[in-house]
Amino acid sequence: VQLQASGGGLVQPGGSLRLSCAASRGFSSMYRMGWYRQAPGKQRELVAQIISGGSTHYADSVKGRFTISRDNAKNTMYLQMNSLKPEDTAVYYCKSSTYGGRDYWGQGTLVTVSS
């Protein structure tokens, strides 16, 4: 399975972006999908994840601002990011996990929040 993340860019504080993660195949067979981010000099961290049944989990720092969703018919996962802050600046990666525990990562897309 190949994952292609897109949608990053430069946005002003308070602005919005929507990230997309397109899978080459087998999207509906994925147990868990998520978005991670890595800021310069920091470890990669979980931002949000969605389980096959639809339940979601968010990092405290993005709760109420970010929304994760998936469209199995389009083999695509999304991350709607609102009220962006400079501290949201990072490379964002998508990850999918099969029921068997195998993980796949996308290549990352850069989000820069700056005035």
C-alpha atoms as a PDB file:
ATOM      1  CA  VAL A   1       0.000   0.000   0.000  1.00  0.00           C
ATOM      2  CA  GLN A   2       1.310   3.422  -0.923  1.00  0.00           C
ATOM      3  CA  LEU A   3       0.110   6.557   0.824  1.00  0.00           C
ATOM      4  CA  GLN A   4       0.283   9.986  -0.781  1.00  0.00           C
ATOM      5  CA  ALA A   5      -0.138  12.981   1.508  1.00  0.00           C
ATOM      6  CA  SER A   6      -0.984  16.387   0.076  1.00  0.00           C
ATOM      7  CA  GLY A   7      -2.527  19.720   0.950  1.00  0.00           C
ATOM      8  CA  GLY A   8       0.220  21.355   2.955  1.00  0.00           C
ATOM      9  CA  GLY A   9       1.327  24.903   2.427  1.00  0.00           C
ATOM     10  CA  LEU A  10       1.810  28.322   3.965  1.00  0.00           C
ATOM     11  CA  VAL A  11      -1.088  29.779   5.916  1.00  0.00           C
ATOM     12  CA  GLN A  12      -1.491  32.701   8.269  1.00  0.00           C
ATOM     13  CA  PRO A  13      -2.309  32.179  11.940  1.00  0.00           C
ATOM     14  CA  GLY A  14      -6.029  31.584  12.328  1.00  0.00           C
ATOM     15  CA  GLY A  15      -6.296  30.133   8.854  1.00  0.00           C
ATOM     16  CA  SER A  16      -7.341  26.689   7.658  1.00  0.00           C
ATOM     17  CA  LEU A  17      -5.941  23.871   5.575  1.00  0.00           C
ATOM     18  CA  ARG A  18      -7.203  20.450   4.616  1.00  0.00           C
ATOM     19  CA  LEU A  19      -4.713  17.643   4.251  1.00  0.00           C
ATOM     20  CA  SER A  20      -5.479  14.560   2.186  1.00  0.00           C
ATOM     21  CA  CYS A  21      -3.939  11.102   2.286  1.00  0.00           C
ATOM     22  CA  ALA A  22      -4.717   8.899  -0.693  1.00  0.00           C
ATOM     23  CA  ALA A  23      -4.047   5.158  -0.514  1.00  0.00           C
ATOM     24  CA  SER A  24      -3.163   3.076  -3.548  1.00  0.00           C
ATOM     25  CA  ARG A  25      -5.449   0.242  -2.515  1.00  0.00           C
ATOM     26  CA  GLY A  26      -7.104  -1.612   0.298  1.00  0.00           C
ATOM     27  CA  PHE A  27      -8.247   1.409   2.235  1.00  0.00           C
ATOM     28  CA  SER A  28     -11.296  -0.303   3.671  1.00  0.00           C
ATOM     29  CA  SER A  29      -9.090  -3.081   5.044  1.00  0.00           C
ATOM     30  CA  MET A  30      -7.162  -0.689   7.228  1.00  0.00           C
ATOM     31  CA  TYR A  31      -7.917  -0.921  10.911  1.00  0.00           C
ATOM     32  CA  ARG A  32      -6.529   2.427  11.963  1.00  0.00           C
ATOM     33  CA  MET A  33      -5.394   5.506  10.149  1.00  0.00           C
ATOM     34  CA  GLY A  34      -3.814   8.592  11.553  1.00  0.00           C
ATOM     35  CA  TRP A  35      -1.958  11.824  11.082  1.00  0.00           C
ATOM     36  CA  TYR A  36       1.353  12.508  12.744  1.00  0.00           C
ATOM     37  CA  ARG A  37       3.556  15.566  12.654  1.00  0.00           C
ATOM     38  CA  GLN A  38       7.168  16.372  13.242  1.00  0.00           C
ATOM     39  CA  ALA A  39       8.388  19.875  13.932  1.00  0.00           C
ATOM     40  CA  PRO A  40      12.067  20.810  13.519  1.00  0.00           C
ATOM     41  CA  GLY A  41      14.093  19.439  16.392  1.00  0.00           C
ATOM     42  CA  LYS A  42      11.165  17.539  17.877  1.00  0.00           C
ATOM     43  CA  GLN A  43       9.971  13.985  17.869  1.00  0.00           C
ATOM     44  CA  ARG A  44       7.168  12.828  15.639  1.00  0.00           C
ATOM     45  CA  GLU A  45       3.852  12.980  17.485  1.00  0.00           C
ATOM     46  CA  LEU A  46       0.356  11.681  16.943  1.00  0.00           C
ATOM     47  CA  VAL A  47      -2.085  14.384  15.913  1.00  0.00           C
ATOM     48  CA  ALA A  48      -5.271  12.436  15.252  1.00  0.00           C
ATOM     49  CA  GLN A  49      -6.380   8.933  14.424  1.00  0.00           C
ATOM     50  CA  ILE A  50      -9.523   7.208  13.265  1.00  0.00           C
ATOM     51  CA  ILE A  51     -10.458   3.590  13.797  1.00  0.00           C
ATOM     52  CA  SER A  52     -12.378   1.463  11.296  1.00  0.00           C
ATOM     53  CA  GLY A  53     -15.597   1.780  13.290  1.00  0.00           C
ATOM     54  CA  GLY A  54     -15.333   5.545  13.091  1.00  0.00           C
ATOM     55  CA  SER A  55     -14.102   6.434  16.559  1.00  0.00           C
ATOM     56  CA  THR A  56     -11.523   9.196  16.671  1.00  0.00           C
ATOM     57  CA  HIS A  57      -8.761  10.368  18.955  1.00  0.00           C
ATOM     58  CA  TYR A  58      -7.007  13.731  19.019  1.00  0.00           C
ATOM     59  CA  ALA A  59      -3.961  15.151  20.689  1.00  0.00           C
ATOM     60  CA  ASP A  60      -4.926  17.683  23.344  1.00  0.00           C
ATOM     61  CA  SER A  61      -3.154  20.427  21.429  1.00  0.00           C
ATOM     62  CA  VAL A  62      -5.495  20.116  18.426  1.00  0.00           C
ATOM     63  CA  LYS A  63      -8.808  19.173  20.027  1.00  0.00           C
ATOM     64  CA  GLY A  64     -11.602  21.409  18.842  1.00  0.00           C
ATOM     65  CA  ARG A  65      -9.525  22.697  15.926  1.00  0.00           C
ATOM     66  CA  PHE A  66      -8.695  19.636  13.815  1.00  0.00           C
ATOM     67  CA  THR A  67     -11.053  17.019  12.415  1.00  0.00           C
ATOM     68  CA  ILE A  68     -10.007  13.678  10.976  1.00  0.00           C
ATOM     69  CA  SER A  69     -12.202  11.764   8.551  1.00  0.00           C
ATOM     70  CA  ARG A  70     -11.947   8.973   6.006  1.00  0.00           C
ATOM     71  CA  ASP A  71     -13.766   8.148   2.793  1.00  0.00           C
ATOM     72  CA  ASN A  72     -13.398   4.443   2.119  1.00  0.00           C
ATOM     73  CA  ALA A  73     -14.964   4.748  -1.327  1.00  0.00           C
ATOM     74  CA  LYS A  74     -12.247   7.193  -2.367  1.00  0.00           C
ATOM     75  CA  ASN A  75      -9.452   5.494  -0.430  1.00  0.00           C
ATOM     76  CA  THR A  76      -8.714   8.852   1.141  1.00  0.00           C
ATOM     77  CA  MET A  77      -8.290  10.219   4.634  1.00  0.00           C
ATOM     78  CA  TYR A  78      -8.511  13.894   5.513  1.00  0.00           C
ATOM     79  CA  LEU A  79      -7.384  16.244   8.231  1.00  0.00           C
ATOM     80  CA  GLN A  80      -9.301  19.503   8.385  1.00  0.00           C
ATOM     81  CA  MET A  81      -7.220  22.004  10.306  1.00  0.00           C
ATOM     82  CA  ASN A  82      -8.830  25.212  11.520  1.00  0.00           C
ATOM     83  CA  SER A  83      -7.616  28.058  13.719  1.00  0.00           C
ATOM     84  CA  LEU A  84      -4.045  27.195  12.880  1.00  0.00           C
ATOM     85  CA  LYS A  85      -1.287  28.390  15.163  1.00  0.00           C
ATOM     86  CA  PRO A  86       2.436  28.886  14.540  1.00  0.00           C
ATOM     87  CA  GLU A  87       3.106  25.883  16.771  1.00  0.00           C
ATOM     88  CA  ASP A  88       1.222  23.708  14.280  1.00  0.00           C
ATOM     89  CA  THR A  89       4.087  24.213  11.842  1.00  0.00           C
ATOM     90  CA  ALA A  90       5.503  20.794  11.007  1.00  0.00           C
ATOM     91  CA  VAL A  91       5.764  18.097   8.404  1.00  0.00           C
ATOM     92  CA  TYR A  92       2.562  16.093   8.553  1.00  0.00           C
ATOM     93  CA  TYR A  93       2.598  12.379   7.807  1.00  0.00           C
ATOM     94  CA  CYS A  94      -0.234   9.953   7.319  1.00  0.00           C
ATOM     95  CA  LYS A  95      -0.055   6.393   8.555  1.00  0.00           C
ATOM     96  CA  SER A  96      -2.266   3.386   8.127  1.00  0.00           C
ATOM     97  CA  SER A  97      -2.267   0.151  10.086  1.00  0.00           C
ATOM     98  CA  THR A  98      -3.747  -3.160   9.028  1.00  0.00           C
ATOM     99  CA  TYR A  99      -5.647  -5.509  11.309  1.00  0.00           C
ATOM    100  CA  GLY A 100      -2.524  -7.631  11.292  1.00  0.00           C
ATOM    101  CA  GLY A 101      -0.424  -4.812  12.684  1.00  0.00           C
ATOM    102  CA  ARG A 102       1.460  -3.796   9.553  1.00  0.00           C
ATOM    103  CA  ASP A 103       2.100  -0.063   9.212  1.00  0.00           C
ATOM    104  CA  TYR A 104       2.383   2.105   6.129  1.00  0.00           C
ATOM    105  CA  TRP A 105       3.590   5.717   6.043  1.00  0.00           C
ATOM    106  CA  GLY A 106       3.082   8.507   3.561  1.00  0.00           C
ATOM    107  CA  GLN A 107       5.892  10.803   2.513  1.00  0.00           C
ATOM    108  CA  GLY A 108       4.843  13.888   4.472  1.00  0.00           C
ATOM    109  CA  THR A 109       3.516  17.308   3.569  1.00  0.00           C
ATOM    110  CA  LEU A 110       4.823  20.569   5.040  1.00  0.00           C
ATOM    111  CA  VAL A 111       2.497  22.911   6.882  1.00  0.00           C
ATOM    112  CA  THR A 112       3.843  26.338   7.743  1.00  0.00           C
ATOM    113  CA  VAL A 113       1.798  28.711   9.875  1.00  0.00           C
ATOM    114  CA  SER A 114       3.270  32.178   9.759  1.00  0.00           C
ATOM    115  CA  SER A 115       2.334  35.771   9.155  1.00  0.00           C
END
